[in-house]
Every structure is written in C-alpha cells, then in structure tokens.
Amino acid sequence: MAEPLDDYIDAVSKALALPVEEAFRPAVRANLEVSLRLARLVDEFALPDETEPAPIFTA
C-alpha cells in the first residue's frame, strides 16, 4: 500500500508531465515532508484578528 505522499508525488509528476526517477523519490519525499512540517508551523501560528499585512518588507 502506497503512502499518501507517494500518491501525491505520482499525481503531481503526472500532472506536470515531469517524471521522477525511482532513485530520486526518497529525496523528493523527504523534501515534501520537511516542507509540510514547516507549512504546519506557519498554519498553526495564531494571529490576532486585527493583524494587518506590512505594506513593505525590509530586512
């Protein structure tokens, strides 16, 4: 039984007509796992309702 990320890799690869070689699948899967973990942190960060976007970002 395939893992959900493996199914996602297959679907996106097909949709983009971008084949993923078997040798690269573990690296692609690892990258997605890290990306999803970081996205979860951003998504779970609570912002007050009165928060507004900054008009200009400066570092």
N, C-alpha and C. Protein backbone atom coordinates (compact mmCIF):
# COMPACT_ATOMS: atom_id res chain seq x y z
N MET A 1 0.84 -1.19 0.00
CA MET A 1 0.00 0.00 0.00
C MET A 1 0.89 1.25 0.00
N ALA A 2 0.60 2.14 -0.91
CA ALA A 2 1.41 3.37 -1.04
C ALA A 2 1.05 4.36 0.05
N GLU A 3 2.03 5.14 0.43
CA GLU A 3 1.83 6.22 1.39
C GLU A 3 1.17 7.41 0.69
N PRO A 4 0.44 8.26 1.44
CA PRO A 4 -0.19 9.42 0.80
C PRO A 4 0.79 10.33 0.05
N LEU A 5 1.98 10.51 0.59
CA LEU A 5 2.96 11.36 -0.11
C LEU A 5 3.41 10.72 -1.41
N ASP A 6 3.52 9.41 -1.42
CA ASP A 6 3.89 8.73 -2.66
C ASP A 6 2.80 8.91 -3.72
N ASP A 7 1.54 8.82 -3.29
CA ASP A 7 0.42 9.07 -4.21
C ASP A 7 0.46 10.51 -4.72
N TYR A 8 0.78 11.44 -3.84
CA TYR A 8 0.87 12.85 -4.23
C TYR A 8 1.99 13.06 -5.23
N ILE A 9 3.14 12.46 -4.98
CA ILE A 9 4.28 12.57 -5.91
C ILE A 9 3.88 12.04 -7.27
N ASP A 10 3.22 10.90 -7.29
CA ASP A 10 2.77 10.31 -8.56
C ASP A 10 1.80 11.24 -9.29
N ALA A 11 0.82 11.79 -8.55
CA ALA A 11 -0.19 12.65 -9.17
C ALA A 11 0.42 13.94 -9.72
N VAL A 12 1.27 14.58 -8.94
CA VAL A 12 1.88 15.84 -9.37
C VAL A 12 2.85 15.59 -10.53
N SER A 13 3.59 14.51 -10.44
CA SER A 13 4.51 14.16 -11.52
C SER A 13 3.75 13.98 -12.83
N LYS A 14 2.62 13.31 -12.75
CA LYS A 14 1.79 13.09 -13.94
C LYS A 14 1.18 14.41 -14.43
N ALA A 15 0.66 15.21 -13.51
CA ALA A 15 0.02 16.48 -13.89
C ALA A 15 1.00 17.44 -14.55
N LEU A 16 2.24 17.42 -14.08
CA LEU A 16 3.25 18.32 -14.62
C LEU A 16 4.04 17.70 -15.78
N ALA A 17 3.73 16.45 -16.08
CA ALA A 17 4.47 15.71 -17.10
C ALA A 17 5.97 15.77 -16.80
N LEU A 18 6.28 15.58 -15.53
CA LEU A 18 7.66 15.65 -15.05
C LEU A 18 7.99 14.34 -14.34
N PRO A 19 8.55 13.39 -15.07
CA PRO A 19 8.81 12.10 -14.44
C PRO A 19 9.84 12.21 -13.31
N VAL A 20 9.59 11.45 -12.25
CA VAL A 20 10.51 11.39 -11.12
C VAL A 20 11.14 10.00 -11.12
N GLU A 21 12.43 9.95 -11.33
CA GLU A 21 13.13 8.67 -11.34
C GLU A 21 13.08 8.04 -9.95
N GLU A 22 13.01 6.73 -9.93
CA GLU A 22 12.94 5.99 -8.67
C GLU A 22 14.10 6.35 -7.73
N ALA A 23 15.25 6.60 -8.29
CA ALA A 23 16.41 6.94 -7.45
C ALA A 23 16.22 8.26 -6.70
N PHE A 24 15.39 9.15 -7.25
CA PHE A 24 15.19 10.47 -6.63
C PHE A 24 13.96 10.53 -5.73
N ARG A 25 13.12 9.50 -5.77
CA ARG A 25 11.87 9.52 -4.98
C ARG A 25 12.11 9.72 -3.49
N PRO A 26 13.09 9.05 -2.87
CA PRO A 26 13.30 9.28 -1.43
C PRO A 26 13.65 10.74 -1.12
N ALA A 27 14.43 11.38 -1.97
CA ALA A 27 14.80 12.78 -1.74
C ALA A 27 13.59 13.69 -1.94
N VAL A 28 12.78 13.41 -2.95
CA VAL A 28 11.57 14.20 -3.19
C VAL A 28 10.61 14.06 -2.01
N ARG A 29 10.46 12.83 -1.54
CA ARG A 29 9.57 12.57 -0.40
C ARG A 29 10.09 13.29 0.85
N ALA A 30 11.39 13.23 1.11
CA ALA A 30 11.97 13.90 2.27
C ALA A 30 11.76 15.40 2.19
N ASN A 31 11.93 15.97 1.00
CA ASN A 31 11.73 17.41 0.82
C ASN A 31 10.27 17.78 1.10
N LEU A 32 9.34 16.98 0.63
CA LEU A 32 7.92 17.25 0.90
C LEU A 32 7.61 17.15 2.38
N GLU A 33 8.19 16.17 3.05
CA GLU A 33 7.96 16.03 4.50
C GLU A 33 8.42 17.27 5.25
N VAL A 34 9.60 17.78 4.91
CA VAL A 34 10.12 18.98 5.56
C VAL A 34 9.25 20.19 5.22
N SER A 35 8.89 20.33 3.95
CA SER A 35 8.05 21.45 3.53
C SER A 35 6.71 21.44 4.24
N LEU A 36 6.10 20.28 4.35
CA LEU A 36 4.80 20.17 5.02
C LEU A 36 4.93 20.44 6.52
N ARG A 37 6.02 19.99 7.13
CA ARG A 37 6.23 20.25 8.55
C ARG A 37 6.37 21.75 8.81
N LEU A 38 7.12 22.45 7.95
CA LEU A 38 7.28 23.90 8.10
C LEU A 38 5.97 24.63 7.81
N ALA A 39 5.24 24.17 6.81
CA ALA A 39 3.95 24.79 6.50
C ALA A 39 2.98 24.64 7.67
N ARG A 40 3.03 23.50 8.35
CA ARG A 40 2.16 23.28 9.50
C ARG A 40 2.47 24.28 10.60
N LEU A 41 3.75 24.59 10.82
CA LEU A 41 4.13 25.58 11.83
C LEU A 41 3.55 26.96 11.50
N VAL A 42 3.62 27.33 10.24
CA VAL A 42 3.08 28.63 9.82
C VAL A 42 1.57 28.63 9.98
N ASP A 43 0.92 27.55 9.57
CA ASP A 43 -0.53 27.47 9.63
C ASP A 43 -1.05 27.50 11.06
N GLU A 44 -0.31 26.91 11.98
CA GLU A 44 -0.75 26.83 13.37
C GLU A 44 -0.44 28.09 14.18
N PHE A 45 0.33 29.01 13.62
CA PHE A 45 0.68 30.23 14.33
C PHE A 45 -0.53 31.16 14.38
N ALA A 46 -1.01 31.39 15.59
CA ALA A 46 -2.22 32.21 15.76
C ALA A 46 -1.89 33.70 15.62
N LEU A 47 -2.68 34.37 14.81
CA LEU A 47 -2.56 35.82 14.65
C LEU A 47 -3.84 36.48 15.15
N PRO A 48 -3.71 37.61 15.83
CA PRO A 48 -4.92 38.32 16.25
C PRO A 48 -5.71 38.79 15.02
N ASP A 49 -7.02 38.94 15.19
CA ASP A 49 -7.87 39.37 14.07
C ASP A 49 -7.48 40.74 13.54
N GLU A 50 -6.92 41.59 14.40
CA GLU A 50 -6.58 42.94 13.96
C GLU A 50 -5.22 43.03 13.26
N THR A 51 -4.55 41.92 13.09
CA THR A 51 -3.26 41.90 12.41
C THR A 51 -3.44 42.25 10.93
N GLU A 52 -2.60 43.16 10.45
CA GLU A 52 -2.65 43.56 9.04
C GLU A 52 -1.29 43.31 8.40
N PRO A 53 -1.29 43.05 7.11
CA PRO A 53 -0.01 42.83 6.43
C PRO A 53 0.83 44.09 6.40
N ALA A 54 2.12 43.91 6.44
CA ALA A 54 3.03 45.05 6.35
C ALA A 54 3.02 45.56 4.91
N PRO A 55 3.00 46.90 4.70
CA PRO A 55 2.98 47.41 3.35
C PRO A 55 4.30 47.18 2.61
N ILE A 56 5.41 47.18 3.34
CA ILE A 56 6.72 46.97 2.75
C ILE A 56 7.53 46.10 3.68
N PHE A 57 8.17 45.08 3.12
CA PHE A 57 9.04 44.22 3.93
C PHE A 57 10.47 44.70 3.78
N THR A 58 11.12 44.94 4.90
CA THR A 58 12.54 45.26 4.87
C THR A 58 13.23 44.37 5.88
N ALA A 59 14.39 43.90 5.52
CA ALA A 59 15.14 43.02 6.41
C ALA A 59 16.20 43.81 7.15
